[in-house]
Amino acid sequence: QVQLVESGGTLVQAGGSLRLSCAASGSGISIGAMGWYSQAPGKQRELVATITSGGSTNYADSVKGRFTISRDNAKNTVYLQMNSLKSEDTAVYYCNALVMTLNPYYQWGQGTQVTVSS
C-alpha cells in the first residue's frame, strides 16, 4: 500500500514563500504523474499543479508565475515552491500520485494546512 506524506504547511505572511513536500512510501513502488490540489473552506478541491514522471508541468492560472512544481523521481517525492503568497492561497493542500500497478490508481495524501495572513 502506497502512502503519501505531505509536509511544509504553516502560517506565513502575504508576500512570503513556502515549500511543500510530499513523499510516496512503499516497497517496490512505481509512481507516474504527481500533483498538488488545494481545498479552501467551503470550496471544492481544485488543481494547483501537476507534473509527469518526465517533468512536464501544468499549472492553474491563479498560480502561474508564483508556484513551481518539481519532483525527485529517485525519492518518489514531489515539491511545491510557493512564492508571492496571497491570502486567497489559504487552503489545505493535498498531494496526489498515480500509482503504477497492474491496475493503476490515484492515491491522496492527508493534506497540509497553508494559512496566509494579510
PDB file of N, CA and C in Angstrom:
ATOM      1  N   GLN A   1       0.832  -1.179   0.000  1.00  0.00           N
ATOM      2  CA  GLN A   1       0.000   0.000   0.000  1.00  0.00           C
ATOM      3  C   GLN A   1       0.879   1.245   0.000  1.00  0.00           C
ATOM      4  N   VAL A   2       0.632   2.139  -0.935  1.00  0.00           N
ATOM      5  CA  VAL A   2       1.414   3.365  -1.029  1.00  0.00           C
ATOM      6  C   VAL A   2       0.823   4.419  -0.098  1.00  0.00           C
ATOM      7  N   GLN A   3       1.688   5.090   0.604  1.00  0.00           N
ATOM      8  CA  GLN A   3       1.272   6.226   1.441  1.00  0.00           C
ATOM      9  C   GLN A   3       1.950   7.491   0.956  1.00  0.00           C
ATOM     10  N   LEU A   4       1.208   8.592   0.980  1.00  0.00           N
ATOM     11  CA  LEU A   4       1.757   9.901   0.643  1.00  0.00           C
ATOM     12  C   LEU A   4       1.766  10.746   1.904  1.00  0.00           C
ATOM     13  N   VAL A   5       2.920  11.280   2.230  1.00  0.00           N
ATOM     14  CA  VAL A   5       3.059  12.088   3.432  1.00  0.00           C
ATOM     15  C   VAL A   5       3.508  13.487   3.037  1.00  0.00           C
ATOM     16  N   GLU A   6       2.630  14.461   3.296  1.00  0.00           N
ATOM     17  CA  GLU A   6       2.936  15.858   2.991  1.00  0.00           C
ATOM     18  C   GLU A   6       3.564  16.544   4.201  1.00  0.00           C
ATOM     19  N   SER A   7       4.327  17.571   3.927  1.00  0.00           N
ATOM     20  CA  SER A   7       4.892  18.395   4.984  1.00  0.00           C
ATOM     21  C   SER A   7       5.165  19.785   4.429  1.00  0.00           C
ATOM     22  N   GLY A   8       5.360  20.726   5.344  1.00  0.00           N
ATOM     23  CA  GLY A   8       5.736  22.073   4.951  1.00  0.00           C
ATOM     24  C   GLY A   8       4.672  23.130   5.135  1.00  0.00           C
ATOM     25  N   GLY A   9       3.429  22.727   5.369  1.00  0.00           N
ATOM     26  CA  GLY A   9       2.377  23.712   5.554  1.00  0.00           C
ATOM     27  C   GLY A   9       2.535  24.433   6.879  1.00  0.00           C
ATOM     28  N   THR A  10       2.242  25.722   6.863  1.00  0.00           N
ATOM     29  CA  THR A  10       2.357  26.526   8.070  1.00  0.00           C
ATOM     30  C   THR A  10       1.680  27.873   7.853  1.00  0.00           C
ATOM     31  N   LEU A  11       1.799  28.742   8.837  1.00  0.00           N
ATOM     32  CA  LEU A  11       1.294  30.103   8.744  1.00  0.00           C
ATOM     33  C   LEU A  11       2.392  30.994   8.184  1.00  0.00           C
ATOM     34  N   VAL A  12       2.054  31.778   7.171  1.00  0.00           N
ATOM     35  CA  VAL A  12       3.045  32.652   6.540  1.00  0.00           C
ATOM     36  C   VAL A  12       2.373  33.976   6.185  1.00  0.00           C
ATOM     37  N   GLN A  13       3.154  35.033   6.161  1.00  0.00           N
ATOM     38  CA  GLN A  13       2.598  36.338   5.819  1.00  0.00           C
ATOM     39  C   GLN A  13       2.447  36.476   4.308  1.00  0.00           C
ATOM     40  N   ALA A  14       1.497  37.289   3.912  1.00  0.00           N
ATOM     41  CA  ALA A  14       1.310  37.574   2.499  1.00  0.00           C
ATOM     42  C   ALA A  14       2.613  38.103   1.903  1.00  0.00           C
ATOM     43  N   GLY A  15       2.922  37.629   0.696  1.00  0.00           N
ATOM     44  CA  GLY A  15       4.159  38.008   0.044  1.00  0.00           C
ATOM     45  C   GLY A  15       5.309  37.062   0.339  1.00  0.00           C
ATOM     46  N   GLY A  16       5.107  36.187   1.294  1.00  0.00           N
ATOM     47  CA  GLY A  16       6.143  35.252   1.696  1.00  0.00           C
ATOM     48  C   GLY A  16       6.194  34.014   0.816  1.00  0.00           C
ATOM     49  N   SER A  17       7.076  33.105   1.200  1.00  0.00           N
ATOM     50  CA  SER A  17       7.295  31.874   0.428  1.00  0.00           C
ATOM     51  C   SER A  17       7.185  30.665   1.340  1.00  0.00           C
ATOM     52  N   LEU A  18       6.905  29.543   0.685  1.00  0.00           N
ATOM     53  CA  LEU A  18       6.744  28.300   1.414  1.00  0.00           C
ATOM     54  C   LEU A  18       7.071  27.169   0.451  1.00  0.00           C
ATOM     55  N   ARG A  19       7.605  26.073   0.966  1.00  0.00           N
ATOM     56  CA  ARG A  19       7.872  24.899   0.139  1.00  0.00           C
ATOM     57  C   ARG A  19       7.198  23.687   0.752  1.00  0.00           C
ATOM     58  N   LEU A  20       6.302  23.080  -0.012  1.00  0.00           N
ATOM     59  CA  LEU A  20       5.648  21.858   0.407  1.00  0.00           C
ATOM     60  C   LEU A  20       6.363  20.652  -0.177  1.00  0.00           C
ATOM     61  N   SER A  21       6.357  19.567   0.593  1.00  0.00           N
ATOM     62  CA  SER A  21       6.948  18.316   0.121  1.00  0.00           C
ATOM     63  C   SER A  21       5.934  17.196   0.289  1.00  0.00           C
ATOM     64  N   CYS A  22       6.042  16.207  -0.562  1.00  0.00           N
ATOM     65  CA  CYS A  22       5.176  15.027  -0.468  1.00  0.00           C
ATOM     66  C   CYS A  22       5.988  13.822  -0.897  1.00  0.00           C
ATOM     67  N   ALA A  23       6.141  12.885   0.010  1.00  0.00           N
ATOM     68  CA  ALA A  23       6.928  11.685  -0.263  1.00  0.00           C
ATOM     69  C   ALA A  23       6.013  10.466  -0.327  1.00  0.00           C
ATOM     70  N   ALA A  24       6.191   9.684  -1.367  1.00  0.00           N
ATOM     71  CA  ALA A  24       5.448   8.429  -1.514  1.00  0.00           C
ATOM     72  C   ALA A  24       6.286   7.296  -0.956  1.00  0.00           C
ATOM     73  N   SER A  25       5.685   6.504  -0.092  1.00  0.00           N
ATOM     74  CA  SER A  25       6.412   5.391   0.514  1.00  0.00           C
ATOM     75  C   SER A  25       5.719   4.078   0.217  1.00  0.00           C
ATOM     76  N   GLY A  26       6.536   3.041   0.185  1.00  0.00           N
ATOM     77  CA  GLY A  26       6.013   1.714  -0.106  1.00  0.00           C
ATOM     78  C   GLY A  26       7.093   0.929  -0.817  1.00  0.00           C
ATOM     79  N   SER A  27       7.055  -0.378  -0.705  1.00  0.00           N
ATOM     80  CA  SER A  27       8.109  -1.187  -1.301  1.00  0.00           C
ATOM     81  C   SER A  27       7.823  -1.447  -2.773  1.00  0.00           C
ATOM     82  N   GLY A  28       8.873  -1.294  -3.583  1.00  0.00           N
ATOM     83  CA  GLY A  28       8.770  -1.605  -4.998  1.00  0.00           C
ATOM     84  C   GLY A  28       7.751  -0.789  -5.766  1.00  0.00           C
ATOM     85  N   ILE A  29       7.548   0.463  -5.357  1.00  0.00           N
ATOM     86  CA  ILE A  29       6.501   1.264  -5.990  1.00  0.00           C
ATOM     87  C   ILE A  29       7.010   1.970  -7.233  1.00  0.00           C
ATOM     88  N   SER A  30       6.081   2.222  -8.126  1.00  0.00           N
ATOM     89  CA  SER A  30       6.361   2.999  -9.321  1.00  0.00           C
ATOM     90  C   SER A  30       5.301   4.092  -9.399  1.00  0.00           C
ATOM     91  N   ILE A  31       5.771   5.330  -9.482  1.00  0.00           N
ATOM     92  CA  ILE A  31       4.867   6.482  -9.452  1.00  0.00           C
ATOM     93  C   ILE A  31       4.867   7.178 -10.807  1.00  0.00           C
ATOM     94  N   GLY A  32       3.696   7.468 -11.296  1.00  0.00           N
ATOM     95  CA  GLY A  32       3.561   8.219 -12.538  1.00  0.00           C
ATOM     96  C   GLY A  32       3.410   9.700 -12.233  1.00  0.00           C
ATOM     97  N   ALA A  33       2.379  10.303 -12.784  1.00  0.00           N
ATOM     98  CA  ALA A  33       2.167  11.731 -12.553  1.00  0.00           C
ATOM     99  C   ALA A  33       1.883  12.005 -11.079  1.00  0.00           C
ATOM    100  N   MET A  34       2.318  13.185 -10.633  1.00  0.00           N
ATOM    101  CA  MET A  34       2.051  13.637  -9.275  1.00  0.00           C
ATOM    102  C   MET A  34       1.495  15.051  -9.343  1.00  0.00           C
ATOM    103  N   GLY A  35       0.814  15.434  -8.289  1.00  0.00           N
ATOM    104  CA  GLY A  35       0.238  16.768  -8.333  1.00  0.00           C
ATOM    105  C   GLY A  35      -0.127  17.303  -6.968  1.00  0.00           C
ATOM    106  N   TRP A  36      -0.469  18.576  -6.961  1.00  0.00           N
ATOM    107  CA  TRP A  36      -0.944  19.260  -5.763  1.00  0.00           C
ATOM    108  C   TRP A  36      -2.322  19.838  -6.048  1.00  0.00           C
ATOM    109  N   TYR A  37      -3.187  19.686  -5.058  1.00  0.00           N
ATOM    110  CA  TYR A  37      -4.534  20.240  -5.125  1.00  0.00           C
ATOM    111  C   TYR A  37      -4.778  21.037  -3.851  1.00  0.00           C
ATOM    112  N   SER A  38      -5.653  22.002  -3.931  1.00  0.00           N
ATOM    113  CA  SER A  38      -5.977  22.794  -2.750  1.00  0.00           C
ATOM    114  C   SER A  38      -7.469  22.790  -2.503  1.00  0.00           C
ATOM    115  N   GLN A  39      -7.818  22.905  -1.227  1.00  0.00           N
ATOM    116  CA  GLN A  39      -9.231  22.990  -0.851  1.00  0.00           C
ATOM    117  C   GLN A  39      -9.386  24.036   0.236  1.00  0.00           C
ATOM    118  N   ALA A  40     -10.020  25.140  -0.120  1.00  0.00           N
ATOM    119  CA  ALA A  40     -10.294  26.199   0.832  1.00  0.00           C
ATOM    120  C   ALA A  40     -11.608  25.886   1.542  1.00  0.00           C
ATOM    121  N   PRO A  41     -11.813  26.470   2.715  1.00  0.00           N
ATOM    122  CA  PRO A  41     -13.046  26.210   3.458  1.00  0.00           C
ATOM    123  C   PRO A  41     -14.291  26.509   2.632  1.00  0.00           C
ATOM    124  N   GLY A  42     -15.207  25.554   2.584  1.00  0.00           N
ATOM    125  CA  GLY A  42     -16.448  25.749   1.860  1.00  0.00           C
ATOM    126  C   GLY A  42     -16.351  25.633   0.364  1.00  0.00           C
ATOM    127  N   LYS A  43     -15.169  25.253  -0.144  1.00  0.00           N
ATOM    128  CA  LYS A  43     -14.987  25.155  -1.595  1.00  0.00           C
ATOM    129  C   LYS A  43     -14.581  23.745  -1.982  1.00  0.00           C
ATOM    130  N   GLN A  44     -14.710  23.466  -3.269  1.00  0.00           N
ATOM    131  CA  GLN A  44     -14.293  22.171  -3.763  1.00  0.00           C
ATOM    132  C   GLN A  44     -12.773  22.103  -3.910  1.00  0.00           C
ATOM    133  N   ARG A  45     -12.272  20.890  -3.877  1.00  0.00           N
ATOM    134  CA  ARG A  45     -10.851  20.688  -4.112  1.00  0.00           C
ATOM    135  C   ARG A  45     -10.544  21.026  -5.571  1.00  0.00           C
ATOM    136  N   GLU A  46      -9.447  21.751  -5.782  1.00  0.00           N
ATOM    137  CA  GLU A  46      -9.105  22.135  -7.141  1.00  0.00           C
ATOM    138  C   GLU A  46      -7.623  21.947  -7.422  1.00  0.00           C
ATOM    139  N   LEU A  47      -7.335  21.765  -8.702  1.00  0.00           N
ATOM    140  CA  LEU A  47      -5.963  21.532  -9.118  1.00  0.00           C
ATOM    141  C   LEU A  47      -5.106  22.778  -8.934  1.00  0.00           C
ATOM    142  N   VAL A  48      -3.899  22.557  -8.423  1.00  0.00           N
ATOM    143  CA  VAL A  48      -2.908  23.632  -8.324  1.00  0.00           C
ATOM    144  C   VAL A  48      -1.849  23.427  -9.396  1.00  0.00           C
ATOM    145  N   ALA A  49      -1.238  22.238  -9.404  1.00  0.00           N
ATOM    146  CA  ALA A  49      -0.183  21.944 -10.375  1.00  0.00           C
ATOM    147  C   ALA A  49       0.022  20.439 -10.468  1.00  0.00           C
ATOM    148  N   THR A  50       0.438  19.994 -11.636  1.00  0.00           N
ATOM    149  CA  THR A  50       0.777  18.590 -11.830  1.00  0.00           C
ATOM    150  C   THR A  50       2.102  18.471 -12.553  1.00  0.00           C
ATOM    151  N   ILE A  51       2.730  17.323 -12.399  1.00  0.00           N
ATOM    152  CA  ILE A  51       3.985  17.059 -13.072  1.00  0.00           C
ATOM    153  C   ILE A  51       4.042  15.578 -13.447  1.00  0.00           C
ATOM    154  N   THR A  52       4.443  15.303 -14.686  1.00  0.00           N
ATOM    155  CA  THR A  52       4.571  13.920 -15.117  1.00  0.00           C
ATOM    156  C   THR A  52       5.909  13.356 -14.664  1.00  0.00           C
ATOM    157  N   SER A  53       6.084  12.064 -14.829  1.00  0.00           N
ATOM    158  CA  SER A  53       7.352  11.443 -14.455  1.00  0.00           C
ATOM    159  C   SER A  53       8.498  11.971 -15.329  1.00  0.00           C
ATOM    160  N   GLY A  54       8.153  12.477 -16.503  1.00  0.00           N
ATOM    161  CA  GLY A  54       9.159  13.041 -17.393  1.00  0.00           C
ATOM    162  C   GLY A  54       9.435  14.506 -17.151  1.00  0.00           C
ATOM    163  N   GLY A  55       8.661  15.121 -16.243  1.00  0.00           N
ATOM    164  CA  GLY A  55       8.927  16.507 -15.874  1.00  0.00           C
ATOM    165  C   GLY A  55       8.032  17.548 -16.527  1.00  0.00           C
ATOM    166  N   SER A  56       7.069  17.129 -17.325  1.00  0.00           N
ATOM    167  CA  SER A  56       6.140  18.092 -17.914  1.00  0.00           C
ATOM    168  C   SER A  56       5.195  18.602 -16.838  1.00  0.00           C
ATOM    169  N   THR A  57       4.961  19.913 -16.844  1.00  0.00           N
ATOM    170  CA  THR A  57       4.177  20.530 -15.784  1.00  0.00           C
ATOM    171  C   THR A  57       2.924  21.220 -16.319  1.00  0.00           C
ATOM    172  N   ASN A  58       1.983  21.388 -15.403  1.00  0.00           N
ATOM    173  CA  ASN A  58       0.741  22.071 -15.714  1.00  0.00           C
ATOM    174  C   ASN A  58       0.330  22.835 -14.460  1.00  0.00           C
ATOM    175  N   TYR A  59      -0.144  24.089 -14.655  1.00  0.00           N
ATOM    176  CA  TYR A  59      -0.492  24.926 -13.510  1.00  0.00           C
ATOM    177  C   TYR A  59      -1.882  25.535 -13.673  1.00  0.00           C
ATOM    178  N   ALA A  60      -2.514  25.751 -12.542  1.00  0.00           N
ATOM    179  CA  ALA A  60      -3.727  26.552 -12.547  1.00  0.00           C
ATOM    180  C   ALA A  60      -3.342  27.994 -12.877  1.00  0.00           C
ATOM    181  N   ASP A  61      -4.222  28.692 -13.569  1.00  0.00           N
ATOM    182  CA  ASP A  61      -3.914  30.071 -13.956  1.00  0.00           C
ATOM    183  C   ASP A  61      -3.612  30.954 -12.742  1.00  0.00           C
ATOM    184  N   SER A  62      -4.254  30.664 -11.638  1.00  0.00           N
ATOM    185  CA  SER A  62      -4.115  31.510 -10.448  1.00  0.00           C
ATOM    186  C   SER A  62      -2.732  31.433  -9.820  1.00  0.00           C
ATOM    187  N   VAL A  63      -1.962  30.414 -10.155  1.00  0.00           N
ATOM    188  CA  VAL A  63      -0.643  30.260  -9.524  1.00  0.00           C
ATOM    189  C   VAL A  63       0.511  30.373 -10.516  1.00  0.00           C
ATOM    190  N   LYS A  64       0.197  30.510 -11.788  1.00  0.00           N
ATOM    191  CA  LYS A  64       1.260  30.615 -12.797  1.00  0.00           C
ATOM    192  C   LYS A  64       2.159  31.805 -12.495  1.00  0.00           C
ATOM    193  N   GLY A  65       3.460  31.560 -12.544  1.00  0.00           N
ATOM    194  CA  GLY A  65       4.427  32.611 -12.272  1.00  0.00           C
ATOM    195  C   GLY A  65       4.763  32.768 -10.797  1.00  0.00           C
ATOM    196  N   ARG A  66       3.981  32.120  -9.928  1.00  0.00           N
ATOM    197  CA  ARG A  66       4.238  32.225  -8.486  1.00  0.00           C
ATOM    198  C   ARG A  66       4.643  30.880  -7.877  1.00  0.00           C
ATOM    199  N   PHE A  67       4.025  29.801  -8.341  1.00  0.00           N
ATOM    200  CA  PHE A  67       4.303  28.469  -7.797  1.00  0.00           C
ATOM    201  C   PHE A  67       5.093  27.654  -8.813  1.00  0.00           C
ATOM    202  N   THR A  68       5.947  26.772  -8.291  1.00  0.00           N
ATOM    203  CA  THR A  68       6.707  25.866  -9.136  1.00  0.00           C
ATOM    204  C   THR A  68       6.635  24.460  -8.573  1.00  0.00           C
ATOM    205  N   ILE A  69       6.220  23.521  -9.406  1.00  0.00           N
ATOM    206  CA  ILE A  69       6.185  22.120  -9.006  1.00  0.00           C
ATOM    207  C   ILE A  69       7.425  21.425  -9.555  1.00  0.00           C
ATOM    208  N   SER A  70       7.991  20.529  -8.747  1.00  0.00           N
ATOM    209  CA  SER A  70       9.144  19.754  -9.181  1.00  0.00           C
ATOM    210  C   SER A  70       9.086  18.400  -8.492  1.00  0.00           C
ATOM    211  N   ARG A  71       9.933  17.496  -8.922  1.00  0.00           N
ATOM    212  CA  ARG A  71       9.933  16.167  -8.313  1.00  0.00           C
ATOM    213  C   ARG A  71      11.318  15.559  -8.367  1.00  0.00           C
ATOM    214  N   ASP A  72      11.522  14.627  -7.439  1.00  0.00           N
ATOM    215  CA  ASP A  72      12.740  13.832  -7.399  1.00  0.00           C
ATOM    216  C   ASP A  72      12.293  12.387  -7.567  1.00  0.00           C
ATOM    217  N   ASN A  73      12.464  11.857  -8.763  1.00  0.00           N
ATOM    218  CA  ASN A  73      11.957  10.517  -9.043  1.00  0.00           C
ATOM    219  C   ASN A  73      12.653   9.444  -8.201  1.00  0.00           C
ATOM    220  N   ALA A  74      13.918   9.663  -7.900  1.00  0.00           N
ATOM    221  CA  ALA A  74      14.655   8.677  -7.103  1.00  0.00           C
ATOM    222  C   ALA A  74      14.080   8.567  -5.694  1.00  0.00           C
ATOM    223  N   LYS A  75      13.504   9.670  -5.219  1.00  0.00           N
ATOM    224  CA  LYS A  75      12.931   9.696  -3.867  1.00  0.00           C
ATOM    225  C   LYS A  75      11.408   9.600  -3.875  1.00  0.00           C
ATOM    226  N   ASN A  76      10.823   9.488  -5.069  1.00  0.00           N
ATOM    227  CA  ASN A  76       9.348   9.476  -5.183  1.00  0.00           C
ATOM    228  C   ASN A  76       8.740  10.641  -4.402  1.00  0.00           C
ATOM    229  N   THR A  77       9.323  11.800  -4.585  1.00  0.00           N
ATOM    230  CA  THR A  77       8.912  12.990  -3.839  1.00  0.00           C
ATOM    231  C   THR A  77       8.589  14.121  -4.809  1.00  0.00           C
ATOM    232  N   VAL A  78       7.513  14.823  -4.494  1.00  0.00           N
ATOM    233  CA  VAL A  78       7.121  15.992  -5.278  1.00  0.00           C
ATOM    234  C   VAL A  78       7.134  17.211  -4.365  1.00  0.00           C
ATOM    235  N   TYR A  79       7.501  18.345  -4.935  1.00  0.00           N
ATOM    236  CA  TYR A  79       7.608  19.592  -4.183  1.00  0.00           C
ATOM    237  C   TYR A  79       6.727  20.658  -4.812  1.00  0.00           C
ATOM    238  N   LEU A  80       6.340  21.609  -3.997  1.00  0.00           N
ATOM    239  CA  LEU A  80       5.625  22.782  -4.494  1.00  0.00           C
ATOM    240  C   LEU A  80       6.255  24.009  -3.851  1.00  0.00           C
ATOM    241  N   GLN A  81       6.993  24.769  -4.647  1.00  0.00           N
ATOM    242  CA  GLN A  81       7.567  26.021  -4.186  1.00  0.00           C
ATOM    243  C   GLN A  81       6.534  27.112  -4.405  1.00  0.00           C
ATOM    244  N   MET A  82       6.144  27.761  -3.326  1.00  0.00           N
ATOM    245  CA  MET A  82       5.090  28.759  -3.364  1.00  0.00           C
ATOM    246  C   MET A  82       5.689  30.118  -3.027  1.00  0.00           C
ATOM    247  N   ASN A  83       5.689  31.027  -3.972  1.00  0.00           N
ATOM    248  CA  ASN A  83       6.218  32.378  -3.768  1.00  0.00           C
ATOM    249  C   ASN A  83       5.113  33.409  -3.909  1.00  0.00           C
ATOM    250  N   SER A  84       5.381  34.585  -3.417  1.00  0.00           N
ATOM    251  CA  SER A  84       4.423  35.700  -3.511  1.00  0.00           C
ATOM    252  C   SER A  84       3.036  35.261  -3.058  1.00  0.00           C
ATOM    253  N   LEU A  85       2.991  34.637  -1.899  1.00  0.00           N
ATOM    254  CA  LEU A  85       1.735  34.087  -1.405  1.00  0.00           C
ATOM    255  C   LEU A  85       0.712  35.174  -1.116  1.00  0.00           C
ATOM    256  N   LYS A  86      -0.544  34.822  -1.391  1.00  0.00           N
ATOM    257  CA  LYS A  86      -1.668  35.722  -1.176  1.00  0.00           C
ATOM    258  C   LYS A  86      -2.626  35.089  -0.174  1.00  0.00           C
ATOM    259  N   SER A  87      -3.461  35.918   0.428  1.00  0.00           N
ATOM    260  CA  SER A  87      -4.414  35.384   1.409  1.00  0.00           C
ATOM    261  C   SER A  87      -5.336  34.350   0.758  1.00  0.00           C
ATOM    262  N   GLU A  88      -5.646  34.537  -0.507  1.00  0.00           N
ATOM    263  CA  GLU A  88      -6.525  33.585  -1.190  1.00  0.00           C
ATOM    264  C   GLU A  88      -5.861  32.228  -1.469  1.00  0.00           C
ATOM    265  N   ASP A  89      -4.572  32.114  -1.183  1.00  0.00           N
ATOM    266  CA  ASP A  89      -3.900  30.817  -1.292  1.00  0.00           C
ATOM    267  C   ASP A  89      -4.137  29.957  -0.051  1.00  0.00           C
ATOM    268  N   THR A  90      -4.747  30.543   0.967  1.00  0.00           N
ATOM    269  CA  THR A  90      -5.037  29.804   2.192  1.00  0.00           C
ATOM    270  C   THR A  90      -5.939  28.616   1.895  1.00  0.00           C
ATOM    271  N   ALA A  91      -5.484  27.423   2.276  1.00  0.00           N
ATOM    272  CA  ALA A  91      -6.221  26.195   1.977  1.00  0.00           C
ATOM    273  C   ALA A  91      -5.471  25.015   2.576  1.00  0.00           C
ATOM    274  N   VAL A  92      -6.130  23.873   2.551  1.00  0.00           N
ATOM    275  CA  VAL A  92      -5.439  22.620   2.799  1.00  0.00           C
ATOM    276  C   VAL A  92      -4.919  22.133   1.447  1.00  0.00           C
ATOM    277  N   TYR A  93      -3.640  21.805   1.400  1.00  0.00           N
ATOM    278  CA  TYR A  93      -3.023  21.349   0.158  1.00  0.00           C
ATOM    279  C   TYR A  93      -2.823  19.836   0.219  1.00  0.00           C
ATOM    280  N   TYR A  94      -3.327  19.170  -0.800  1.00  0.00           N
ATOM    281  CA  TYR A  94      -3.261  17.721  -0.872  1.00  0.00           C
ATOM    282  C   TYR A  94      -2.335  17.284  -2.008  1.00  0.00           C
ATOM    283  N   CYS A  95      -1.565  16.272  -1.719  1.00  0.00           N
ATOM    284  CA  CYS A  95      -0.705  15.651  -2.718  1.00  0.00           C
ATOM    285  C   CYS A  95      -1.473  14.492  -3.356  1.00  0.00           C
ATOM    286  N   ASN A  96      -1.210  14.278  -4.627  1.00  0.00           N
ATOM    287  CA  ASN A  96      -1.861  13.216  -5.368  1.00  0.00           C
ATOM    288  C   ASN A  96      -0.824  12.527  -6.237  1.00  0.00           C
ATOM    289  N   ALA A  97      -0.917  11.205  -6.332  1.00  0.00           N
ATOM    290  CA  ALA A  97       0.047  10.468  -7.151  1.00  0.00           C
ATOM    291  C   ALA A  97      -0.645   9.317  -7.865  1.00  0.00           C
ATOM    292  N   LEU A  98      -0.226   9.086  -9.085  1.00  0.00           N
ATOM    293  CA  LEU A  98      -0.716   7.944  -9.852  1.00  0.00           C
ATOM    294  C   LEU A  98       0.219   6.763  -9.571  1.00  0.00           C
ATOM    295  N   VAL A  99      -0.307   5.751  -8.907  1.00  0.00           N
ATOM    296  CA  VAL A  99       0.489   4.589  -8.536  1.00  0.00           C
ATOM    297  C   VAL A  99       0.406   3.574  -9.664  1.00  0.00           C
ATOM    298  N   MET A 100       1.549   3.265 -10.219  1.00  0.00           N
ATOM    299  CA  MET A 100       1.599   2.434 -11.424  1.00  0.00           C
ATOM    300  C   MET A 100       1.707   0.958 -11.073  1.00  0.00           C
ATOM    301  N   THR A 101       0.562   0.346 -10.782  1.00  0.00           N
ATOM    302  CA  THR A 101       0.480  -1.093 -10.569  1.00  0.00           C
ATOM    303  C   THR A 101      -0.182  -1.712 -11.807  1.00  0.00           C
ATOM    304  N   LEU A 102      -0.493  -3.017 -11.727  1.00  0.00           N
ATOM    305  CA  LEU A 102      -1.212  -3.634 -12.855  1.00  0.00           C
ATOM    306  C   LEU A 102      -2.525  -2.908 -13.105  1.00  0.00           C
ATOM    307  N   ASN A 103      -3.138  -2.435 -12.060  1.00  0.00           N
ATOM    308  CA  ASN A 103      -4.340  -1.600 -12.121  1.00  0.00           C
ATOM    309  C   ASN A 103      -4.011  -0.249 -11.510  1.00  0.00           C
ATOM    310  N   PRO A 104      -3.524   0.693 -12.301  1.00  0.00           N
ATOM    311  CA  PRO A 104      -3.108   1.988 -11.751  1.00  0.00           C
ATOM    312  C   PRO A 104      -4.238   2.692 -10.998  1.00  0.00           C
ATOM    313  N   TYR A 105      -3.866   3.378  -9.940  1.00  0.00           N
ATOM    314  CA  TYR A 105      -4.863   4.115  -9.156  1.00  0.00           C
ATOM    315  C   TYR A 105      -4.233   5.379  -8.613  1.00  0.00           C
ATOM    316  N   TYR A 106      -5.117   6.333  -8.240  1.00  0.00           N
ATOM    317  CA  TYR A 106      -4.666   7.587  -7.657  1.00  0.00           C
ATOM    318  C   TYR A 106      -4.715   7.497  -6.138  1.00  0.00           C
ATOM    319  N   GLN A 107      -3.620   7.913  -5.529  1.00  0.00           N
ATOM    320  CA  GLN A 107      -3.523   7.943  -4.070  1.00  0.00           C
ATOM    321  C   GLN A 107      -3.461   9.385  -3.605  1.00  0.00           C
ATOM    322  N   TRP A 108      -4.133   9.688  -2.506  1.00  0.00           N
ATOM    323  CA  TRP A 108      -4.118  11.029  -1.914  1.00  0.00           C
ATOM    324  C   TRP A 108      -3.364  11.029  -0.608  1.00  0.00           C
ATOM    325  N   GLY A 109      -2.747  12.158  -0.314  1.00  0.00           N
ATOM    326  CA  GLY A 109      -2.165  12.363   0.992  1.00  0.00           C
ATOM    327  C   GLY A 109      -3.213  12.896   1.951  1.00  0.00           C
ATOM    328  N   GLN A 110      -2.790  13.134   3.198  1.00  0.00           N
ATOM    329  CA  GLN A 110      -3.743  13.558   4.234  1.00  0.00           C
ATOM    330  C   GLN A 110      -3.960  15.067   4.240  1.00  0.00           C
ATOM    331  N   GLY A 111      -3.118  15.779   3.536  1.00  0.00           N
ATOM    332  CA  GLY A 111      -3.255  17.236   3.448  1.00  0.00           C
ATOM    333  C   GLY A 111      -2.389  17.967   4.440  1.00  0.00           C
ATOM    334  N   THR A 112      -1.992  19.167   4.057  1.00  0.00           N
ATOM    335  CA  THR A 112      -1.218  20.036   4.933  1.00  0.00           C
ATOM    336  C   THR A 112      -1.780  21.452   4.825  1.00  0.00           C
ATOM    337  N   GLN A 113      -1.960  22.097   5.969  1.00  0.00           N
ATOM    338  CA  GLN A 113      -2.623  23.399   6.019  1.00  0.00           C
ATOM    339  C   GLN A 113      -1.647  24.524   5.700  1.00  0.00           C
ATOM    340  N   VAL A 114      -2.031  25.356   4.754  1.00  0.00           N
ATOM    341  CA  VAL A 114      -1.283  26.581   4.454  1.00  0.00           C
ATOM    342  C   VAL A 114      -2.195  27.758   4.765  1.00  0.00           C
ATOM    343  N   THR A 115      -1.736  28.635   5.639  1.00  0.00           N
ATOM    344  CA  THR A 115      -2.505  29.815   6.005  1.00  0.00           C
ATOM    345  C   THR A 115      -1.666  31.049   5.708  1.00  0.00           C
ATOM    346  N   VAL A 116      -2.205  31.931   4.900  1.00  0.00           N
ATOM    347  CA  VAL A 116      -1.509  33.156   4.522  1.00  0.00           C
ATOM    348  C   VAL A 116      -2.224  34.320   5.187  1.00  0.00           C
ATOM    349  N   SER A 117      -1.507  35.018   6.040  1.00  0.00           N
ATOM    350  CA  SER A 117      -2.090  36.159   6.745  1.00  0.00           C
ATOM    351  C   SER A 117      -1.817  37.446   5.984  1.00  0.00           C
ATOM    352  N   SER A 118      -2.823  38.298   5.932  1.00  0.00           N
ATOM    353  CA  SER A 118      -2.666  39.560   5.189  1.00  0.00           C
ATOM    354  C   SER A 118      -2.257  40.696   6.100  1.00  0.00           C
TER     355      SER A 118
END
